């Protein structure tokens, strides 16, 4: 299938989507990751590790951090890259 004759431009992401997921989501991801890191640090204290519910909360904070990192790479980074490059897609040679 040849695409040499294709003249239709493709917009990678809508402008609203670039702003919402690229720019506005970034502070939420960063603040959420820092809050989870602080929670894990607190739950690692010797007196707090005694109760099983605190182990559950610590693992919940760790899994939430993994979700936030994944959301950054899958949702935010591609749109943020398009915002920072002025909407120009990379040229494939």
C-alpha atoms as a PDB file:
ATOM      1  CA  UNK A   1       0.000   0.000   0.000  1.00  0.00           C
ATOM      2  CA  UNK A   2       1.633   3.232  -1.144  1.00  0.00           C
ATOM      3  CA  UNK A   3       1.058   6.545   0.602  1.00  0.00           C
ATOM      4  CA  UNK A   4       2.979   8.809  -1.775  1.00  0.00           C
ATOM      5  CA  UNK A   5      -0.201  10.365  -3.179  1.00  0.00           C
ATOM      6  CA  UNK A   6      -1.694  11.150   0.209  1.00  0.00           C
ATOM      7  CA  UNK A   7      -2.369  14.878   0.566  1.00  0.00           C
ATOM      8  CA  UNK A   8      -4.599  14.840   3.621  1.00  0.00           C
ATOM      9  CA  UNK A   9      -2.935  16.223   6.735  1.00  0.00           C
ATOM     10  CA  UNK A  10      -3.333  14.285   9.921  1.00  0.00           C
ATOM     11  CA  UNK A  11      -3.684  16.139  13.213  1.00  0.00           C
ATOM     12  CA  UNK A  12      -2.180  13.928  15.880  1.00  0.00           C
ATOM     13  CA  UNK A  13      -4.104  15.329  18.842  1.00  0.00           C
ATOM     14  CA  UNK A  14      -6.889  17.851  19.226  1.00  0.00           C
ATOM     15  CA  UNK A  15      -5.830  21.211  20.740  1.00  0.00           C
ATOM     16  CA  UNK A  16      -7.993  20.698  23.848  1.00  0.00           C
ATOM     17  CA  UNK A  17      -6.553  17.235  24.330  1.00  0.00           C
ATOM     18  CA  UNK A  18      -3.007  18.583  24.103  1.00  0.00           C
ATOM     19  CA  UNK A  19      -3.720  21.160  26.797  1.00  0.00           C
ATOM     20  CA  UNK A  20      -5.668  18.880  29.155  1.00  0.00           C
ATOM     21  CA  UNK A  21      -3.506  15.771  28.990  1.00  0.00           C
ATOM     22  CA  UNK A  22      -0.222  17.382  28.056  1.00  0.00           C
ATOM     23  CA  UNK A  23       0.028  20.432  30.257  1.00  0.00           C
ATOM     24  CA  UNK A  24      -2.638  20.340  32.972  1.00  0.00           C
ATOM     25  CA  UNK A  25      -2.190  16.675  33.892  1.00  0.00           C
ATOM     26  CA  UNK A  26       1.546  17.074  34.526  1.00  0.00           C
ATOM     27  CA  UNK A  27       1.248  18.894  37.895  1.00  0.00           C
ATOM     28  CA  UNK A  28      -1.283  16.320  39.113  1.00  0.00           C
ATOM     29  CA  UNK A  29       1.073  13.487  38.196  1.00  0.00           C
ATOM     30  CA  UNK A  30       4.079  15.148  39.848  1.00  0.00           C
ATOM     31  CA  UNK A  31       2.203  16.093  43.044  1.00  0.00           C
ATOM     32  CA  UNK A  32       0.592  12.646  43.236  1.00  0.00           C
ATOM     33  CA  UNK A  33       3.947  10.922  42.837  1.00  0.00           C
ATOM     34  CA  UNK A  34       5.534  13.101  45.538  1.00  0.00           C
ATOM     35  CA  UNK A  35       2.615  12.438  47.922  1.00  0.00           C
ATOM     36  CA  UNK A  36       2.905   8.693  47.320  1.00  0.00           C
ATOM     37  CA  UNK A  37       6.658   8.810  47.944  1.00  0.00           C
ATOM     38  CA  UNK A  38       6.049  10.631  51.222  1.00  0.00           C
ATOM     39  CA  UNK A  39       3.416   8.051  52.212  1.00  0.00           C
ATOM     40  CA  UNK A  40       5.779   5.164  51.482  1.00  0.00           C
ATOM     41  CA  UNK A  41       8.478   6.843  53.554  1.00  0.00           C
ATOM     42  CA  UNK A  42       6.063   7.192  56.474  1.00  0.00           C
ATOM     43  CA  UNK A  43       4.799   3.609  56.160  1.00  0.00           C
ATOM     44  CA  UNK A  44       8.375   2.278  56.202  1.00  0.00           C
ATOM     45  CA  UNK A  45       8.890   3.574  59.744  1.00  0.00           C
ATOM     46  CA  UNK A  46       9.359   0.742  62.245  1.00  0.00           C
ATOM     47  CA  UNK A  47       6.397   1.636  64.487  1.00  0.00           C
ATOM     48  CA  UNK A  48       4.029   1.980  61.567  1.00  0.00           C
ATOM     49  CA  UNK A  49       4.990  -1.342  59.932  1.00  0.00           C
ATOM     50  CA  UNK A  50       3.526  -3.322  62.833  1.00  0.00           C
ATOM     51  CA  UNK A  51      -0.099  -3.159  61.675  1.00  0.00           C
ATOM     52  CA  UNK A  52      -1.121  -5.077  58.535  1.00  0.00           C
ATOM     53  CA  UNK A  53      -3.380  -2.259  57.323  1.00  0.00           C
ATOM     54  CA  UNK A  54      -0.318  -0.040  56.969  1.00  0.00           C
ATOM     55  CA  UNK A  55       1.338  -2.626  54.730  1.00  0.00           C
ATOM     56  CA  UNK A  56      -1.760  -2.523  52.540  1.00  0.00           C
ATOM     57  CA  UNK A  57      -1.678   1.287  52.406  1.00  0.00           C
ATOM     58  CA  UNK A  58       2.028   1.268  51.557  1.00  0.00           C
ATOM     59  CA  UNK A  59       1.490  -1.184  48.687  1.00  0.00           C
ATOM     60  CA  UNK A  60      -1.454   0.916  47.523  1.00  0.00           C
ATOM     61  CA  UNK A  61       0.786   4.000  47.390  1.00  0.00           C
ATOM     62  CA  UNK A  62       3.450   2.057  45.461  1.00  0.00           C
ATOM     63  CA  UNK A  63       0.936   0.727  42.928  1.00  0.00           C
ATOM     64  CA  UNK A  64      -0.555   4.202  42.531  1.00  0.00           C
ATOM     65  CA  UNK A  65       2.928   5.534  41.782  1.00  0.00           C
ATOM     66  CA  UNK A  66       3.357   2.898  39.078  1.00  0.00           C
ATOM     67  CA  UNK A  67       0.020   3.958  37.555  1.00  0.00           C
ATOM     68  CA  UNK A  68       1.090   7.621  37.633  1.00  0.00           C
ATOM     69  CA  UNK A  69       4.392   6.829  35.906  1.00  0.00           C
ATOM     70  CA  UNK A  70       2.531   4.846  33.260  1.00  0.00           C
ATOM     71  CA  UNK A  71       0.035   7.676  32.771  1.00  0.00           C
ATOM     72  CA  UNK A  72       2.913  10.081  32.269  1.00  0.00           C
ATOM     73  CA  UNK A  73       4.553   7.997  29.552  1.00  0.00           C
ATOM     74  CA  UNK A  74       1.350   6.920  27.789  1.00  0.00           C
ATOM     75  CA  UNK A  75      -0.943   9.937  28.128  1.00  0.00           C
ATOM     76  CA  UNK A  76       1.071  13.039  28.969  1.00  0.00           C
ATOM     77  CA  UNK A  77       4.479  12.705  27.307  1.00  0.00           C
ATOM     78  CA  UNK A  78       3.262  12.335  23.676  1.00  0.00           C
ATOM     79  CA  UNK A  79       0.972  15.361  23.957  1.00  0.00           C
ATOM     80  CA  UNK A  80       3.548  17.377  25.861  1.00  0.00           C
ATOM     81  CA  UNK A  81       6.082  16.598  23.148  1.00  0.00           C
ATOM     82  CA  UNK A  82       3.701  17.861  20.506  1.00  0.00           C
ATOM     83  CA  UNK A  83       3.064  21.051  22.507  1.00  0.00           C
ATOM     84  CA  UNK A  84       6.794  21.677  22.949  1.00  0.00           C
ATOM     85  CA  UNK A  85       7.633  21.046  19.288  1.00  0.00           C
ATOM     86  CA  UNK A  86       4.883  23.338  18.049  1.00  0.00           C
ATOM     87  CA  UNK A  87       2.692  20.548  16.713  1.00  0.00           C
ATOM     88  CA  UNK A  88       5.188  19.377  14.129  1.00  0.00           C
ATOM     89  CA  UNK A  89       5.276  15.581  13.800  1.00  0.00           C
ATOM     90  CA  UNK A  90       8.700  13.940  13.534  1.00  0.00           C
ATOM     91  CA  UNK A  91       9.970  13.463   9.997  1.00  0.00           C
ATOM     92  CA  UNK A  92      10.689   9.869   9.032  1.00  0.00           C
ATOM     93  CA  UNK A  93      13.452   9.432   6.483  1.00  0.00           C
END
